[in-house]
């Protein structure tokens, strides 16, 4: 199945979700080093916050910068969820 991204999503979002699908949890610092795109820790953190607002990832505990993929995030990766139908996050990209 093909994935159905929202207009606000970027390639980095997919790489983050793919990484979290393989690892049970990760931090933006670790992902900025592990993701196969050049992205700073701050950029990865920004994208994680946006993905968290729409329920595709979640902090593993309140006010944490450690994230895990949600069931919705996995459904998106599997091509079962059209993210365009989700609300747009309030944090806008740079």
PDB file of N, CA and C in Angstrom:
ATOM      1  N   UNK A   1       0.838  -1.190   0.000  1.00  0.00           N
ATOM      2  CA  UNK A   1       0.000   0.000   0.000  1.00  0.00           C
ATOM      3  C   UNK A   1       0.878   1.247   0.000  1.00  0.00           C
ATOM      4  N   UNK A   2       0.409   2.280  -0.645  1.00  0.00           N
ATOM      5  CA  UNK A   2       1.191   3.517  -0.656  1.00  0.00           C
ATOM      6  C   UNK A   2       0.752   4.409   0.497  1.00  0.00           C
ATOM      7  N   UNK A   3       1.702   5.159   1.020  1.00  0.00           N
ATOM      8  CA  UNK A   3       1.434   6.055   2.137  1.00  0.00           C
ATOM      9  C   UNK A   3       0.700   7.292   1.653  1.00  0.00           C
ATOM     10  N   UNK A   4      -0.118   7.859   2.539  1.00  0.00           N
ATOM     11  CA  UNK A   4      -0.924   9.027   2.211  1.00  0.00           C
ATOM     12  C   UNK A   4      -0.543  10.177   3.138  1.00  0.00           C
ATOM     13  N   UNK A   5       0.553  10.898   2.811  1.00  0.00           N
ATOM     14  CA  UNK A   5       0.998  11.987   3.683  1.00  0.00           C
ATOM     15  C   UNK A   5       0.103  13.221   3.571  1.00  0.00           C
ATOM     16  N   UNK A   6       0.191  14.053   4.581  1.00  0.00           N
ATOM     17  CA  UNK A   6      -0.484  15.355   4.562  1.00  0.00           C
ATOM     18  C   UNK A   6       0.420  16.357   3.851  1.00  0.00           C
ATOM     19  N   UNK A   7      -0.165  17.458   3.407  1.00  0.00           N
ATOM     20  CA  UNK A   7       0.616  18.486   2.704  1.00  0.00           C
ATOM     21  C   UNK A   7       1.711  19.083   3.565  1.00  0.00           C
ATOM     22  N   UNK A   8       1.533  19.123   4.884  1.00  0.00           N
ATOM     23  CA  UNK A   8       2.528  19.723   5.773  1.00  0.00           C
ATOM     24  C   UNK A   8       3.694  18.778   6.069  1.00  0.00           C
ATOM     25  N   UNK A   9       3.569  17.517   5.700  1.00  0.00           N
ATOM     26  CA  UNK A   9       4.624  16.538   6.008  1.00  0.00           C
ATOM     27  C   UNK A   9       5.806  16.679   5.051  1.00  0.00           C
ATOM     28  N   UNK A  10       6.977  16.254   5.540  1.00  0.00           N
ATOM     29  CA  UNK A  10       8.184  16.255   4.709  1.00  0.00           C
ATOM     30  C   UNK A  10       8.847  14.875   4.797  1.00  0.00           C
ATOM     31  N   UNK A  11       9.854  14.672   3.985  1.00  0.00           N
ATOM     32  CA  UNK A  11      10.539  13.380   3.934  1.00  0.00           C
ATOM     33  C   UNK A  11      11.108  12.993   5.290  1.00  0.00           C
ATOM     34  N   UNK A  12      11.594  13.966   6.046  1.00  0.00           N
ATOM     35  CA  UNK A  12      12.148  13.688   7.360  1.00  0.00           C
ATOM     36  C   UNK A  12      11.119  13.034   8.274  1.00  0.00           C
ATOM     37  N   UNK A  13       9.852  13.433   8.160  1.00  0.00           N
ATOM     38  CA  UNK A  13       8.795  12.840   8.986  1.00  0.00           C
ATOM     39  C   UNK A  13       8.718  11.330   8.753  1.00  0.00           C
ATOM     40  N   UNK A  14       8.785  10.940   7.501  1.00  0.00           N
ATOM     41  CA  UNK A  14       8.729   9.500   7.183  1.00  0.00           C
ATOM     42  C   UNK A  14       9.946   8.781   7.742  1.00  0.00           C
ATOM     43  N   UNK A  15      11.129   9.402   7.632  1.00  0.00           N
ATOM     44  CA  UNK A  15      12.338   8.755   8.163  1.00  0.00           C
ATOM     45  C   UNK A  15      12.243   8.593   9.678  1.00  0.00           C
ATOM     46  N   UNK A  16      11.698   9.605  10.365  1.00  0.00           N
ATOM     47  CA  UNK A  16      11.509   9.527  11.818  1.00  0.00           C
ATOM     48  C   UNK A  16      10.569   8.376  12.153  1.00  0.00           C
ATOM     49  N   UNK A  17       9.436   8.306  11.468  1.00  0.00           N
ATOM     50  CA  UNK A  17       8.477   7.238  11.727  1.00  0.00           C
ATOM     51  C   UNK A  17       9.083   5.867  11.437  1.00  0.00           C
ATOM     52  N   UNK A  18       9.817   5.744  10.361  1.00  0.00           N
ATOM     53  CA  UNK A  18      10.469   4.476  10.031  1.00  0.00           C
ATOM     54  C   UNK A  18      11.479   4.088  11.110  1.00  0.00           C
ATOM     55  N   UNK A  19      12.243   5.068  11.578  1.00  0.00           N
ATOM     56  CA  UNK A  19      13.219   4.793  12.639  1.00  0.00           C
ATOM     57  C   UNK A  19      12.514   4.310  13.901  1.00  0.00           C
ATOM     58  N   UNK A  20      11.448   5.013  14.299  1.00  0.00           N
ATOM     59  CA  UNK A  20      10.731   4.634  15.518  1.00  0.00           C
ATOM     60  C   UNK A  20       9.985   3.313  15.354  1.00  0.00           C
ATOM     61  N   UNK A  21       9.683   2.947  14.136  1.00  0.00           N
ATOM     62  CA  UNK A  21       9.050   1.656  13.895  1.00  0.00           C
ATOM     63  C   UNK A  21      10.039   0.514  14.144  1.00  0.00           C
ATOM     64  N   UNK A  22      11.318   0.788  13.939  1.00  0.00           N
ATOM     65  CA  UNK A  22      12.354  -0.228  14.135  1.00  0.00           C
ATOM     66  C   UNK A  22      12.900  -0.236  15.563  1.00  0.00           C
ATOM     67  N   UNK A  23      12.956   0.938  16.206  1.00  0.00           N
ATOM     68  CA  UNK A  23      13.432   1.048  17.591  1.00  0.00           C
ATOM     69  C   UNK A  23      12.236   1.354  18.480  1.00  0.00           C
ATOM     70  N   UNK A  24      12.186   0.796  19.685  1.00  0.00           N
ATOM     71  CA  UNK A  24      11.026   1.042  20.541  1.00  0.00           C
ATOM     72  C   UNK A  24      10.867   2.499  20.950  1.00  0.00           C
ATOM     73  N   UNK A  25      11.980   3.248  21.058  1.00  0.00           N
ATOM     74  CA  UNK A  25      11.931   4.673  21.380  1.00  0.00           C
ATOM     75  C   UNK A  25      13.261   5.295  20.986  1.00  0.00           C
ATOM     76  N   UNK A  26      13.259   6.620  20.858  1.00  0.00           N
ATOM     77  CA  UNK A  26      14.483   7.320  20.496  1.00  0.00           C
ATOM     78  C   UNK A  26      14.350   8.790  20.851  1.00  0.00           C
ATOM     79  N   UNK A  27      15.475   9.468  20.883  1.00  0.00           N
ATOM     80  CA  UNK A  27      15.504  10.904  21.148  1.00  0.00           C
ATOM     81  C   UNK A  27      15.826  11.638  19.845  1.00  0.00           C
ATOM     82  N   UNK A  28      15.465  12.915  19.754  1.00  0.00           N
ATOM     83  CA  UNK A  28      15.834  13.687  18.565  1.00  0.00           C
ATOM     84  C   UNK A  28      17.348  13.695  18.322  1.00  0.00           C
ATOM     85  N   UNK A  29      18.136  13.752  19.376  1.00  0.00           N
ATOM     86  CA  UNK A  29      19.596  13.738  19.221  1.00  0.00           C
ATOM     87  C   UNK A  29      20.047  12.448  18.540  1.00  0.00           C
ATOM     88  N   UNK A  30      19.554  11.318  19.036  1.00  0.00           N
ATOM     89  CA  UNK A  30      19.928  10.032  18.439  1.00  0.00           C
ATOM     90  C   UNK A  30      19.424   9.931  17.000  1.00  0.00           C
ATOM     91  N   UNK A  31      18.181  10.350  16.778  1.00  0.00           N
ATOM     92  CA  UNK A  31      17.614  10.248  15.426  1.00  0.00           C
ATOM     93  C   UNK A  31      18.356  11.146  14.442  1.00  0.00           C
ATOM     94  N   UNK A  32      18.810  12.321  14.899  1.00  0.00           N
ATOM     95  CA  UNK A  32      19.532  13.210  13.979  1.00  0.00           C
ATOM     96  C   UNK A  32      20.825  12.557  13.496  1.00  0.00           C
ATOM     97  N   UNK A  33      21.360  11.642  14.281  1.00  0.00           N
ATOM     98  CA  UNK A  33      22.555  10.911  13.885  1.00  0.00           C
ATOM     99  C   UNK A  33      22.210   9.642  13.106  1.00  0.00           C
ATOM    100  N   UNK A  34      21.065   9.032  13.401  1.00  0.00           N
ATOM    101  CA  UNK A  34      20.720   7.744  12.811  1.00  0.00           C
ATOM    102  C   UNK A  34      19.905   7.852  11.527  1.00  0.00           C
ATOM    103  N   UNK A  35      19.075   8.894  11.416  1.00  0.00           N
ATOM    104  CA  UNK A  35      18.216   9.046  10.235  1.00  0.00           C
ATOM    105  C   UNK A  35      19.082   9.315   9.019  1.00  0.00           C
ATOM    106  N   UNK A  36      18.702   8.746   7.884  1.00  0.00           N
ATOM    107  CA  UNK A  36      19.534   8.808   6.685  1.00  0.00           C
ATOM    108  C   UNK A  36      19.420  10.124   5.915  1.00  0.00           C
ATOM    109  N   UNK A  37      19.072  11.181   6.588  1.00  0.00           N
ATOM    110  CA  UNK A  37      19.046  12.518   6.006  1.00  0.00           C
ATOM    111  C   UNK A  37      19.866  13.429   6.902  1.00  0.00           C
ATOM    112  N   UNK A  38      20.393  14.476   6.330  1.00  0.00           N
ATOM    113  CA  UNK A  38      21.108  15.448   7.136  1.00  0.00           C
ATOM    114  C   UNK A  38      20.071  16.337   7.823  1.00  0.00           C
ATOM    115  N   UNK A  39      19.980  16.193   9.123  1.00  0.00           N
ATOM    116  CA  UNK A  39      19.018  16.986   9.891  1.00  0.00           C
ATOM    117  C   UNK A  39      19.595  17.231  11.275  1.00  0.00           C
ATOM    118  N   UNK A  40      19.468  18.444  11.751  1.00  0.00           N
ATOM    119  CA  UNK A  40      19.966  18.780  13.082  1.00  0.00           C
ATOM    120  C   UNK A  40      19.044  18.202  14.145  1.00  0.00           C
ATOM    121  N   UNK A  41      19.554  18.156  15.356  1.00  0.00           N
ATOM    122  CA  UNK A  41      18.743  17.692  16.478  1.00  0.00           C
ATOM    123  C   UNK A  41      17.512  18.587  16.633  1.00  0.00           C
ATOM    124  N   UNK A  42      17.703  19.898  16.474  1.00  0.00           N
ATOM    125  CA  UNK A  42      16.580  20.833  16.596  1.00  0.00           C
ATOM    126  C   UNK A  42      15.514  20.601  15.545  1.00  0.00           C
ATOM    127  N   UNK A  43      15.939  20.328  14.319  1.00  0.00           N
ATOM    128  CA  UNK A  43      14.978  20.061  13.234  1.00  0.00           C
ATOM    129  C   UNK A  43      14.214  18.770  13.497  1.00  0.00           C
ATOM    130  N   UNK A  44      14.906  17.733  13.952  1.00  0.00           N
ATOM    131  CA  UNK A  44      14.234  16.466  14.264  1.00  0.00           C
ATOM    132  C   UNK A  44      13.268  16.673  15.422  1.00  0.00           C
ATOM    133  N   UNK A  45      13.686  17.444  16.424  1.00  0.00           N
ATOM    134  CA  UNK A  45      12.799  17.707  17.556  1.00  0.00           C
ATOM    135  C   UNK A  45      11.545  18.464  17.111  1.00  0.00           C
ATOM    136  N   UNK A  46      11.716  19.451  16.244  1.00  0.00           N
ATOM    137  CA  UNK A  46      10.568  20.195  15.706  1.00  0.00           C
ATOM    138  C   UNK A  46       9.591  19.258  15.003  1.00  0.00           C
ATOM    139  N   UNK A  47      10.115  18.362  14.177  1.00  0.00           N
ATOM    140  CA  UNK A  47       9.255  17.432  13.435  1.00  0.00           C
ATOM    141  C   UNK A  47       8.579  16.446  14.387  1.00  0.00           C
ATOM    142  N   UNK A  48       9.290  16.009  15.430  1.00  0.00           N
ATOM    143  CA  UNK A  48       8.680  15.106  16.414  1.00  0.00           C
ATOM    144  C   UNK A  48       7.519  15.787  17.127  1.00  0.00           C
ATOM    145  N   UNK A  49       7.687  17.073  17.452  1.00  0.00           N
ATOM    146  CA  UNK A  49       6.593  17.815  18.087  1.00  0.00           C
ATOM    147  C   UNK A  49       5.373  17.887  17.168  1.00  0.00           C
ATOM    148  N   UNK A  50       5.610  18.125  15.889  1.00  0.00           N
ATOM    149  CA  UNK A  50       4.503  18.187  14.930  1.00  0.00           C
ATOM    150  C   UNK A  50       3.833  16.815  14.796  1.00  0.00           C
ATOM    151  N   UNK A  51       4.647  15.770  14.670  1.00  0.00           N
ATOM    152  CA  UNK A  51       4.089  14.424  14.549  1.00  0.00           C
ATOM    153  C   UNK A  51       3.332  14.028  15.817  1.00  0.00           C
ATOM    154  N   UNK A  52       3.800  14.514  16.951  1.00  0.00           N
ATOM    155  CA  UNK A  52       3.125  14.247  18.218  1.00  0.00           C
ATOM    156  C   UNK A  52       1.762  14.934  18.277  1.00  0.00           C
ATOM    157  N   UNK A  53       1.675  16.153  17.749  1.00  0.00           N
ATOM    158  CA  UNK A  53       0.401  16.880  17.766  1.00  0.00           C
ATOM    159  C   UNK A  53      -0.693  16.176  16.978  1.00  0.00           C
ATOM    160  N   UNK A  54      -0.317  15.425  15.962  1.00  0.00           N
ATOM    161  CA  UNK A  54      -1.331  14.717  15.163  1.00  0.00           C
ATOM    162  C   UNK A  54      -1.430  13.247  15.547  1.00  0.00           C
ATOM    163  N   UNK A  55      -0.698  12.838  16.597  1.00  0.00           N
ATOM    164  CA  UNK A  55      -0.854  11.491  17.127  1.00  0.00           C
ATOM    165  C   UNK A  55      -0.080  10.392  16.412  1.00  0.00           C
ATOM    166  N   UNK A  56       0.939  10.753  15.624  1.00  0.00           N
ATOM    167  CA  UNK A  56       1.720   9.721  14.932  1.00  0.00           C
ATOM    168  C   UNK A  56       2.885   9.228  15.785  1.00  0.00           C
ATOM    169  N   UNK A  57       3.397  10.073  16.669  1.00  0.00           N
ATOM    170  CA  UNK A  57       4.389   9.684  17.663  1.00  0.00           C
ATOM    171  C   UNK A  57       3.929  10.248  18.999  1.00  0.00           C
ATOM    172  N   UNK A  58       4.542   9.769  20.077  1.00  0.00           N
ATOM    173  CA  UNK A  58       4.194  10.270  21.405  1.00  0.00           C
ATOM    174  C   UNK A  58       5.430  10.200  22.293  1.00  0.00           C
ATOM    175  N   UNK A  59       5.568  11.184  23.213  1.00  0.00           N
ATOM    176  CA  UNK A  59       6.642  11.073  24.191  1.00  0.00           C
ATOM    177  C   UNK A  59       6.385   9.845  25.067  1.00  0.00           C
ATOM    178  N   UNK A  60       7.443   9.157  25.477  1.00  0.00           N
ATOM    179  CA  UNK A  60       7.211   7.941  26.257  1.00  0.00           C
ATOM    180  C   UNK A  60       6.709   8.249  27.664  1.00  0.00           C
ATOM    181  N   UNK A  61       6.951   9.473  28.145  1.00  0.00           N
ATOM    182  CA  UNK A  61       6.301   9.966  29.352  1.00  0.00           C
ATOM    183  C   UNK A  61       6.219  11.483  29.254  1.00  0.00           C
ATOM    184  N   UNK A  62       5.354  12.090  30.058  1.00  0.00           N
ATOM    185  CA  UNK A  62       5.063  13.518  29.954  1.00  0.00           C
ATOM    186  C   UNK A  62       6.326  14.369  30.009  1.00  0.00           C
ATOM    187  N   UNK A  63       6.389  15.377  29.135  1.00  0.00           N
ATOM    188  CA  UNK A  63       7.506  16.325  29.053  1.00  0.00           C
ATOM    189  C   UNK A  63       8.845  15.651  28.767  1.00  0.00           C
ATOM    190  N   UNK A  64       8.795  14.536  28.071  1.00  0.00           N
ATOM    191  CA  UNK A  64      10.019  13.816  27.715  1.00  0.00           C
ATOM    192  C   UNK A  64      10.412  14.142  26.285  1.00  0.00           C
ATOM    193  N   UNK A  65      11.700  14.052  25.985  1.00  0.00           N
ATOM    194  CA  UNK A  65      12.121  14.200  24.594  1.00  0.00           C
ATOM    195  C   UNK A  65      12.479  12.825  24.006  1.00  0.00           C
ATOM    196  N   UNK A  66      11.946  11.782  24.633  1.00  0.00           N
ATOM    197  CA  UNK A  66      12.079  10.418  24.113  1.00  0.00           C
ATOM    198  C   UNK A  66      10.733  10.046  23.494  1.00  0.00           C
ATOM    199  N   UNK A  67      10.763   9.652  22.223  1.00  0.00           N
ATOM    200  CA  UNK A  67       9.524   9.408  21.481  1.00  0.00           C
ATOM    201  C   UNK A  67       9.398   7.960  21.062  1.00  0.00           C
ATOM    202  N   UNK A  68       8.134   7.552  20.897  1.00  0.00           N
ATOM    203  CA  UNK A  68       7.815   6.244  20.347  1.00  0.00           C
ATOM    204  C   UNK A  68       6.738   6.427  19.288  1.00  0.00           C
ATOM    205  N   UNK A  69       6.655   5.480  18.362  1.00  0.00           N
ATOM    206  CA  UNK A  69       5.615   5.537  17.340  1.00  0.00           C
ATOM    207  C   UNK A  69       4.299   5.073  17.961  1.00  0.00           C
ATOM    208  N   UNK A  70       3.208   5.655  17.538  1.00  0.00           N
ATOM    209  CA  UNK A  70       1.887   5.244  18.024  1.00  0.00           C
ATOM    210  C   UNK A  70       1.275   4.243  17.045  1.00  0.00           C
ATOM    211  N   UNK A  71       0.147   3.690  17.423  1.00  0.00           N
ATOM    212  CA  UNK A  71      -0.580   2.790  16.512  1.00  0.00           C
ATOM    213  C   UNK A  71      -0.966   3.536  15.232  1.00  0.00           C
ATOM    214  N   UNK A  72      -1.355   4.806  15.379  1.00  0.00           N
ATOM    215  CA  UNK A  72      -1.704   5.619  14.211  1.00  0.00           C
ATOM    216  C   UNK A  72      -0.482   5.816  13.306  1.00  0.00           C
ATOM    217  N   UNK A  73       0.672   6.046  13.911  1.00  0.00           N
ATOM    218  CA  UNK A  73       1.900   6.202  13.141  1.00  0.00           C
ATOM    219  C   UNK A  73       2.234   4.934  12.369  1.00  0.00           C
ATOM    220  N   UNK A  74       2.050   3.800  13.003  1.00  0.00           N
ATOM    221  CA  UNK A  74       2.321   2.529  12.321  1.00  0.00           C
ATOM    222  C   UNK A  74       1.303   2.302  11.202  1.00  0.00           C
ATOM    223  N   UNK A  75       0.050   2.662  11.448  1.00  0.00           N
ATOM    224  CA  UNK A  75      -0.965   2.544  10.400  1.00  0.00           C
ATOM    225  C   UNK A  75      -0.607   3.406   9.201  1.00  0.00           C
ATOM    226  N   UNK A  76      -0.063   4.611   9.447  1.00  0.00           N
ATOM    227  CA  UNK A  76       0.373   5.466   8.353  1.00  0.00           C
ATOM    228  C   UNK A  76       1.483   4.781   7.550  1.00  0.00           C
ATOM    229  N   UNK A  77       2.491   4.262   8.253  1.00  0.00           N
ATOM    230  CA  UNK A  77       3.587   3.585   7.555  1.00  0.00           C
ATOM    231  C   UNK A  77       3.095   2.401   6.731  1.00  0.00           C
ATOM    232  N   UNK A  78       2.078   1.728   7.237  1.00  0.00           N
ATOM    233  CA  UNK A  78       1.519   0.567   6.540  1.00  0.00           C
ATOM    234  C   UNK A  78       0.588   0.960   5.394  1.00  0.00           C
ATOM    235  N   UNK A  79       0.365   2.273   5.204  1.00  0.00           N
ATOM    236  CA  UNK A  79      -0.498   2.753   4.128  1.00  0.00           C
ATOM    237  C   UNK A  79      -1.978   2.651   4.433  1.00  0.00           C
ATOM    238  N   UNK A  80      -2.322   2.486   5.711  1.00  0.00           N
ATOM    239  CA  UNK A  80      -3.720   2.317   6.113  1.00  0.00           C
ATOM    240  C   UNK A  80      -4.361   3.601   6.631  1.00  0.00           C
ATOM    241  N   UNK A  81      -3.598   4.687   6.711  1.00  0.00           N
ATOM    242  CA  UNK A  81      -4.109   5.928   7.306  1.00  0.00           C
ATOM    243  C   UNK A  81      -3.767   7.099   6.405  1.00  0.00           C
ATOM    244  N   UNK A  82      -4.771   7.886   6.060  1.00  0.00           N
ATOM    245  CA  UNK A  82      -4.584   9.103   5.273  1.00  0.00           C
ATOM    246  C   UNK A  82      -4.422  10.259   6.252  1.00  0.00           C
ATOM    247  N   UNK A  83      -3.204  10.753   6.409  1.00  0.00           N
ATOM    248  CA  UNK A  83      -2.920  11.795   7.403  1.00  0.00           C
ATOM    249  C   UNK A  83      -3.526  13.136   7.006  1.00  0.00           C
ATOM    250  N   UNK A  84      -3.821  13.306   5.739  1.00  0.00           N
ATOM    251  CA  UNK A  84      -4.441  14.566   5.292  1.00  0.00           C
ATOM    252  C   UNK A  84      -5.766  14.796   6.002  1.00  0.00           C
ATOM    253  N   UNK A  85      -6.412  13.734   6.467  1.00  0.00           N
ATOM    254  CA  UNK A  85      -7.687  13.852   7.176  1.00  0.00           C
ATOM    255  C   UNK A  85      -7.519  14.183   8.654  1.00  0.00           C
ATOM    256  N   UNK A  86      -6.283  14.255   9.140  1.00  0.00           N
ATOM    257  CA  UNK A  86      -6.010  14.633  10.529  1.00  0.00           C
ATOM    258  C   UNK A  86      -5.894  16.154  10.608  1.00  0.00           C
ATOM    259  N   UNK A  87      -6.112  16.722  11.778  1.00  0.00           N
ATOM    260  CA  UNK A  87      -5.917  18.169  11.929  1.00  0.00           C
ATOM    261  C   UNK A  87      -4.469  18.551  11.639  1.00  0.00           C
ATOM    262  N   UNK A  88      -4.265  19.747  11.132  1.00  0.00           N
ATOM    263  CA  UNK A  88      -2.925  20.270  10.880  1.00  0.00           C
ATOM    264  C   UNK A  88      -2.311  20.672  12.212  1.00  0.00           C
ATOM    265  N   UNK A  89      -1.038  20.313  12.458  1.00  0.00           N
ATOM    266  CA  UNK A  89      -0.413  20.713  13.727  1.00  0.00           C
ATOM    267  C   UNK A  89      -0.292  22.241  13.819  1.00  0.00           C
ATOM    268  N   UNK A  90      -0.327  22.750  15.050  1.00  0.00           N
ATOM    269  CA  UNK A  90      -0.247  24.209  15.226  1.00  0.00           C
ATOM    270  C   UNK A  90       1.183  24.718  15.137  1.00  0.00           C
ATOM    271  N   UNK A  91       2.161  23.851  15.377  1.00  0.00           N
ATOM    272  CA  UNK A  91       3.560  24.230  15.195  1.00  0.00           C
ATOM    273  C   UNK A  91       3.850  24.142  13.718  1.00  0.00           C
ATOM    274  N   UNK A  92       4.160  25.251  13.113  1.00  0.00           N
ATOM    275  CA  UNK A  92       4.416  25.257  11.669  1.00  0.00           C
ATOM    276  C   UNK A  92       5.912  25.125  11.410  1.00  0.00           C
ATOM    277  N   UNK A  93       6.293  24.441  10.325  1.00  0.00           N
ATOM    278  CA  UNK A  93       7.705  24.293  10.022  1.00  0.00           C
ATOM    279  C   UNK A  93       8.341  25.636   9.688  1.00  0.00           C
ATOM    280  N   UNK A  94       9.682  25.686   9.787  1.00  0.00           N
ATOM    281  CA  UNK A  94      10.422  26.909   9.464  1.00  0.00           C
ATOM    282  C   UNK A  94      10.166  27.311   8.032  1.00  0.00           C
TER     283      UNK A  94
END
